[in-house]
């Protein structure tokens, strides 16, 4: 199925979850926030939130500093 991640179209297997996509992108789930179709999805729901064809994800990496 096709989804968009930060404005880039990608193919992912049907039934993929947010956690699956995060793993594919080699991101640390502790340091990101994810919106699906403009709705922020809590981190504890990433493993259970199944994506559907046409979903639009915004993945934001959190950066600390000072």
PDB file of N, CA and C in Angstrom:
ATOM      1  N   UNK A   1       0.845  -1.177   0.000  1.00  0.00           N
ATOM      2  CA  UNK A   1       0.000   0.000   0.000  1.00  0.00           C
ATOM      3  C   UNK A   1       0.887   1.236   0.000  1.00  0.00           C
ATOM      4  N   UNK A   2       0.336   2.344  -0.409  1.00  0.00           N
ATOM      5  CA  UNK A   2       1.103   3.589  -0.493  1.00  0.00           C
ATOM      6  C   UNK A   2       0.685   4.537   0.637  1.00  0.00           C
ATOM      7  N   UNK A   3       1.701   5.099   1.292  1.00  0.00           N
ATOM      8  CA  UNK A   3       1.482   6.137   2.302  1.00  0.00           C
ATOM      9  C   UNK A   3       2.454   7.266   2.003  1.00  0.00           C
ATOM     10  N   UNK A   4       2.260   8.396   2.651  1.00  0.00           N
ATOM     11  CA  UNK A   4       3.191   9.520   2.510  1.00  0.00           C
ATOM     12  C   UNK A   4       3.823   9.767   3.875  1.00  0.00           C
ATOM     13  N   UNK A   5       5.143   9.870   3.879  1.00  0.00           N
ATOM     14  CA  UNK A   5       5.881  10.162   5.101  1.00  0.00           C
ATOM     15  C   UNK A   5       6.642  11.450   4.862  1.00  0.00           C
ATOM     16  N   UNK A   6       6.280  12.490   5.595  1.00  0.00           N
ATOM     17  CA  UNK A   6       6.919  13.804   5.430  1.00  0.00           C
ATOM     18  C   UNK A   6       6.966  14.202   3.953  1.00  0.00           C
ATOM     19  N   UNK A   7       5.819  14.118   3.297  1.00  0.00           N
ATOM     20  CA  UNK A   7       5.645  14.538   1.903  1.00  0.00           C
ATOM     21  C   UNK A   7       6.274  13.601   0.876  1.00  0.00           C
ATOM     22  N   UNK A   8       6.825  12.457   1.302  1.00  0.00           N
ATOM     23  CA  UNK A   8       7.446  11.519   0.366  1.00  0.00           C
ATOM     24  C   UNK A   8       6.608  10.245   0.305  1.00  0.00           C
ATOM     25  N   UNK A   9       6.211   9.856  -0.903  1.00  0.00           N
ATOM     26  CA  UNK A   9       5.408   8.643  -1.050  1.00  0.00           C
ATOM     27  C   UNK A   9       6.274   7.411  -0.859  1.00  0.00           C
ATOM     28  N   UNK A  10       5.730   6.443  -0.116  1.00  0.00           N
ATOM     29  CA  UNK A  10       6.439   5.189   0.144  1.00  0.00           C
ATOM     30  C   UNK A  10       5.475   4.025   0.033  1.00  0.00           C
ATOM     31  N   UNK A  11       6.012   2.880  -0.343  1.00  0.00           N
ATOM     32  CA  UNK A  11       5.254   1.632  -0.323  1.00  0.00           C
ATOM     33  C   UNK A  11       5.580   0.899   0.970  1.00  0.00           C
ATOM     34  N   UNK A  12       4.544   0.445   1.663  1.00  0.00           N
ATOM     35  CA  UNK A  12       4.724  -0.362   2.864  1.00  0.00           C
ATOM     36  C   UNK A  12       3.779  -1.555   2.763  1.00  0.00           C
ATOM     37  N   UNK A  13       4.112  -2.648   3.438  1.00  0.00           N
ATOM     38  CA  UNK A  13       3.230  -3.811   3.396  1.00  0.00           C
ATOM     39  C   UNK A  13       1.872  -3.510   4.038  1.00  0.00           C
ATOM     40  N   UNK A  14       0.824  -4.120   3.503  1.00  0.00           N
ATOM     41  CA  UNK A  14      -0.505  -3.979   4.098  1.00  0.00           C
ATOM     42  C   UNK A  14      -0.449  -4.453   5.551  1.00  0.00           C
ATOM     43  N   UNK A  15      -1.154  -3.754   6.422  1.00  0.00           N
ATOM     44  CA  UNK A  15      -1.182  -4.111   7.836  1.00  0.00           C
ATOM     45  C   UNK A  15      -0.046  -3.515   8.645  1.00  0.00           C
ATOM     46  N   UNK A  16       0.796  -2.684   8.022  1.00  0.00           N
ATOM     47  CA  UNK A  16       1.906  -2.055   8.745  1.00  0.00           C
ATOM     48  C   UNK A  16       1.379  -1.125   9.829  1.00  0.00           C
ATOM     49  N   UNK A  17       2.128  -1.053  10.912  1.00  0.00           N
ATOM     50  CA  UNK A  17       1.810  -0.132  11.994  1.00  0.00           C
ATOM     51  C   UNK A  17       2.802   1.023  11.979  1.00  0.00           C
ATOM     52  N   UNK A  18       2.519   2.030  12.790  1.00  0.00           N
ATOM     53  CA  UNK A  18       3.470   3.140  12.929  1.00  0.00           C
ATOM     54  C   UNK A  18       4.812   2.600  13.404  1.00  0.00           C
ATOM     55  N   UNK A  19       4.797   1.677  14.359  1.00  0.00           N
ATOM     56  CA  UNK A  19       6.052   1.114  14.874  1.00  0.00           C
ATOM     57  C   UNK A  19       6.842   0.431  13.761  1.00  0.00           C
ATOM     58  N   UNK A  20       6.155  -0.260  12.858  1.00  0.00           N
ATOM     59  CA  UNK A  20       6.844  -0.902  11.732  1.00  0.00           C
ATOM     60  C   UNK A  20       7.547   0.131  10.861  1.00  0.00           C
ATOM     61  N   UNK A  21       6.866   1.225  10.585  1.00  0.00           N
ATOM     62  CA  UNK A  21       7.441   2.276   9.739  1.00  0.00           C
ATOM     63  C   UNK A  21       8.636   2.915  10.435  1.00  0.00           C
ATOM     64  N   UNK A  22       8.516   3.180  11.727  1.00  0.00           N
ATOM     65  CA  UNK A  22       9.618   3.775  12.494  1.00  0.00           C
ATOM     66  C   UNK A  22      10.845   2.872  12.432  1.00  0.00           C
ATOM     67  N   UNK A  23      10.625   1.563  12.572  1.00  0.00           N
ATOM     68  CA  UNK A  23      11.738   0.612  12.506  1.00  0.00           C
ATOM     69  C   UNK A  23      12.374   0.613  11.119  1.00  0.00           C
ATOM     70  N   UNK A  24      11.550   0.644  10.082  1.00  0.00           N
ATOM     71  CA  UNK A  24      12.051   0.677   8.711  1.00  0.00           C
ATOM     72  C   UNK A  24      12.916   1.911   8.458  1.00  0.00           C
ATOM     73  N   UNK A  25      12.532   3.035   9.086  1.00  0.00           N
ATOM     74  CA  UNK A  25      13.273   4.285   8.919  1.00  0.00           C
ATOM     75  C   UNK A  25      14.499   4.371   9.830  1.00  0.00           C
ATOM     76  N   UNK A  26      14.713   3.347  10.654  1.00  0.00           N
ATOM     77  CA  UNK A  26      15.845   3.288  11.596  1.00  0.00           C
ATOM     78  C   UNK A  26      15.850   4.474  12.562  1.00  0.00           C
ATOM     79  N   UNK A  27      14.660   4.822  13.050  1.00  0.00           N
ATOM     80  CA  UNK A  27      14.541   5.918  14.009  1.00  0.00           C
ATOM     81  C   UNK A  27      14.351   5.373  15.418  1.00  0.00           C
ATOM     82  N   UNK A  28      14.828   6.115  16.396  1.00  0.00           N
ATOM     83  CA  UNK A  28      14.628   5.746  17.790  1.00  0.00           C
ATOM     84  C   UNK A  28      13.244   6.230  18.212  1.00  0.00           C
ATOM     85  N   UNK A  29      12.335   5.316  18.550  1.00  0.00           N
ATOM     86  CA  UNK A  29      10.961   5.719  18.879  1.00  0.00           C
ATOM     87  C   UNK A  29      10.846   6.624  20.099  1.00  0.00           C
ATOM     88  N   UNK A  30      11.869   6.676  20.922  1.00  0.00           N
ATOM     89  CA  UNK A  30      11.829   7.530  22.115  1.00  0.00           C
ATOM     90  C   UNK A  30      11.977   9.006  21.771  1.00  0.00           C
ATOM     91  N   UNK A  31      12.504   9.301  20.585  1.00  0.00           N
ATOM     92  CA  UNK A  31      12.832  10.677  20.246  1.00  0.00           C
ATOM     93  C   UNK A  31      12.053  11.213  19.047  1.00  0.00           C
ATOM     94  N   UNK A  32      10.858  10.667  18.806  1.00  0.00           N
ATOM     95  CA  UNK A  32      10.053  11.163  17.692  1.00  0.00           C
ATOM     96  C   UNK A  32       8.605  11.347  18.109  1.00  0.00           C
ATOM     97  N   UNK A  33       7.924  12.152  17.339  1.00  0.00           N
ATOM     98  CA  UNK A  33       6.474  12.309  17.448  1.00  0.00           C
ATOM     99  C   UNK A  33       5.901  12.011  16.064  1.00  0.00           C
ATOM    100  N   UNK A  34       4.720  11.386  16.034  1.00  0.00           N
ATOM    101  CA  UNK A  34       4.126  10.990  14.763  1.00  0.00           C
ATOM    102  C   UNK A  34       2.676  11.462  14.696  1.00  0.00           C
ATOM    103  N   UNK A  35       2.357  12.122  13.589  1.00  0.00           N
ATOM    104  CA  UNK A  35       0.977  12.470  13.263  1.00  0.00           C
ATOM    105  C   UNK A  35       0.547  11.600  12.091  1.00  0.00           C
ATOM    106  N   UNK A  36      -0.689  11.126  12.150  1.00  0.00           N
ATOM    107  CA  UNK A  36      -1.287  10.416  11.025  1.00  0.00           C
ATOM    108  C   UNK A  36      -2.525  11.203  10.626  1.00  0.00           C
ATOM    109  N   UNK A  37      -2.520  11.684   9.401  1.00  0.00           N
ATOM    110  CA  UNK A  37      -3.642  12.481   8.892  1.00  0.00           C
ATOM    111  C   UNK A  37      -3.977  13.644   9.840  1.00  0.00           C
ATOM    112  N   UNK A  38      -2.915  14.341  10.270  1.00  0.00           N
ATOM    113  CA  UNK A  38      -2.991  15.532  11.122  1.00  0.00           C
ATOM    114  C   UNK A  38      -3.415  15.250  12.557  1.00  0.00           C
ATOM    115  N   UNK A  39      -3.418  13.982  12.980  1.00  0.00           N
ATOM    116  CA  UNK A  39      -3.766  13.627  14.360  1.00  0.00           C
ATOM    117  C   UNK A  39      -2.540  13.035  15.051  1.00  0.00           C
ATOM    118  N   UNK A  40      -2.136  13.652  16.159  1.00  0.00           N
ATOM    119  CA  UNK A  40      -0.990  13.149  16.909  1.00  0.00           C
ATOM    120  C   UNK A  40      -1.356  11.804  17.529  1.00  0.00           C
ATOM    121  N   UNK A  41      -0.516  10.808  17.294  1.00  0.00           N
ATOM    122  CA  UNK A  41      -0.754   9.472  17.819  1.00  0.00           C
ATOM    123  C   UNK A  41       0.179   9.259  19.012  1.00  0.00           C
ATOM    124  N   UNK A  42      -0.375   8.984  20.189  1.00  0.00           N
ATOM    125  CA  UNK A  42       0.473   8.766  21.367  1.00  0.00           C
ATOM    126  C   UNK A  42       1.460   7.621  21.146  1.00  0.00           C
ATOM    127  N   UNK A  43       2.641   7.755  21.699  1.00  0.00           N
ATOM    128  CA  UNK A  43       3.707   6.775  21.518  1.00  0.00           C
ATOM    129  C   UNK A  43       3.259   5.367  21.914  1.00  0.00           C
ATOM    130  N   UNK A  44       2.458   5.253  22.977  1.00  0.00           N
ATOM    131  CA  UNK A  44       2.049   3.918  23.416  1.00  0.00           C
ATOM    132  C   UNK A  44       1.046   3.258  22.461  1.00  0.00           C
ATOM    133  N   UNK A  45       0.599   3.974  21.430  1.00  0.00           N
ATOM    134  CA  UNK A  45      -0.304   3.406  20.429  1.00  0.00           C
ATOM    135  C   UNK A  45       0.397   3.101  19.103  1.00  0.00           C
ATOM    136  N   UNK A  46       1.683   3.403  18.995  1.00  0.00           N
ATOM    137  CA  UNK A  46       2.400   3.207  17.733  1.00  0.00           C
ATOM    138  C   UNK A  46       2.388   1.748  17.280  1.00  0.00           C
ATOM    139  N   UNK A  47       2.519   0.802  18.213  1.00  0.00           N
ATOM    140  CA  UNK A  47       2.573  -0.613  17.841  1.00  0.00           C
ATOM    141  C   UNK A  47       1.210  -1.155  17.423  1.00  0.00           C
ATOM    142  N   UNK A  48       0.143  -0.521  17.872  1.00  0.00           N
ATOM    143  CA  UNK A  48      -1.196  -1.034  17.559  1.00  0.00           C
ATOM    144  C   UNK A  48      -1.924  -0.240  16.474  1.00  0.00           C
ATOM    145  N   UNK A  49      -1.396   0.932  16.118  1.00  0.00           N
ATOM    146  CA  UNK A  49      -2.078   1.777  15.131  1.00  0.00           C
ATOM    147  C   UNK A  49      -1.734   1.307  13.718  1.00  0.00           C
ATOM    148  N   UNK A  50      -2.668   0.588  13.092  1.00  0.00           N
ATOM    149  CA  UNK A  50      -2.448   0.119  11.726  1.00  0.00           C
ATOM    150  C   UNK A  50      -2.700   1.235  10.733  1.00  0.00           C
ATOM    151  N   UNK A  51      -1.829   1.302   9.753  1.00  0.00           N
ATOM    152  CA  UNK A  51      -1.942   2.307   8.708  1.00  0.00           C
ATOM    153  C   UNK A  51      -2.805   1.782   7.573  1.00  0.00           C
ATOM    154  N   UNK A  52      -3.415   2.699   6.833  1.00  0.00           N
ATOM    155  CA  UNK A  52      -4.225   2.318   5.689  1.00  0.00           C
ATOM    156  C   UNK A  52      -3.706   3.038   4.444  1.00  0.00           C
ATOM    157  N   UNK A  53      -4.045   2.505   3.299  1.00  0.00           N
ATOM    158  CA  UNK A  53      -3.607   3.074   2.036  1.00  0.00           C
ATOM    159  C   UNK A  53      -3.989   4.551   1.964  1.00  0.00           C
ATOM    160  N   UNK A  54      -3.018   5.383   1.626  1.00  0.00           N
ATOM    161  CA  UNK A  54      -3.266   6.811   1.481  1.00  0.00           C
ATOM    162  C   UNK A  54      -3.019   7.636   2.731  1.00  0.00           C
ATOM    163  N   UNK A  55      -2.694   6.981   3.865  1.00  0.00           N
ATOM    164  CA  UNK A  55      -2.413   7.746   5.083  1.00  0.00           C
ATOM    165  C   UNK A  55      -1.233   8.692   4.856  1.00  0.00           C
ATOM    166  N   UNK A  56      -1.291   9.827   5.551  1.00  0.00           N
ATOM    167  CA  UNK A  56      -0.210  10.809   5.495  1.00  0.00           C
ATOM    168  C   UNK A  56       0.390  10.943   6.885  1.00  0.00           C
ATOM    169  N   UNK A  57       1.675  10.634   6.979  1.00  0.00           N
ATOM    170  CA  UNK A  57       2.376  10.700   8.256  1.00  0.00           C
ATOM    171  C   UNK A  57       3.326  11.886   8.264  1.00  0.00           C
ATOM    172  N   UNK A  58       3.410  12.510   9.405  1.00  0.00           N
ATOM    173  CA  UNK A  58       4.443  13.507   9.676  1.00  0.00           C
ATOM    174  C   UNK A  58       5.257  12.952  10.834  1.00  0.00           C
ATOM    175  N   UNK A  59       6.529  12.735  10.609  1.00  0.00           N
ATOM    176  CA  UNK A  59       7.419  12.208  11.632  1.00  0.00           C
ATOM    177  C   UNK A  59       8.387  13.321  11.999  1.00  0.00           C
ATOM    178  N   UNK A  60       8.388  13.681  13.275  1.00  0.00           N
ATOM    179  CA  UNK A  60       9.227  14.777  13.754  1.00  0.00           C
ATOM    180  C   UNK A  60      10.211  14.211  14.758  1.00  0.00           C
ATOM    181  N   UNK A  61      11.503  14.478  14.537  1.00  0.00           N
ATOM    182  CA  UNK A  61      12.533  14.061  15.462  1.00  0.00           C
ATOM    183  C   UNK A  61      12.741  15.129  16.515  1.00  0.00           C
ATOM    184  N   UNK A  62      12.739  14.714  17.774  1.00  0.00           N
ATOM    185  CA  UNK A  62      12.941  15.655  18.871  1.00  0.00           C
ATOM    186  C   UNK A  62      14.435  15.811  19.119  1.00  0.00           C
ATOM    187  N   UNK A  63      14.868  17.040  19.237  1.00  0.00           N
ATOM    188  CA  UNK A  63      16.281  17.337  19.435  1.00  0.00           C
ATOM    189  C   UNK A  63      16.421  18.215  20.659  1.00  0.00           C
ATOM    190  N   UNK A  64      17.318  17.843  21.541  1.00  0.00           N
ATOM    191  CA  UNK A  64      17.581  18.661  22.734  1.00  0.00           C
ATOM    192  C   UNK A  64      18.839  19.487  22.515  1.00  0.00           C
ATOM    193  N   UNK A  65      18.975  20.466  23.326  1.00  0.00           N
ATOM    194  CA  UNK A  65      20.177  21.286  23.214  1.00  0.00           C
ATOM    195  C   UNK A  65      20.041  22.526  24.068  1.00  0.00           C
ATOM    196  N   UNK A  66      21.044  23.302  24.009  1.00  0.00           N
ATOM    197  CA  UNK A  66      20.955  24.501  24.816  1.00  0.00           C
ATOM    198  C   UNK A  66      22.052  25.475  24.512  1.00  0.00           C
TER     199      UNK A  66
END
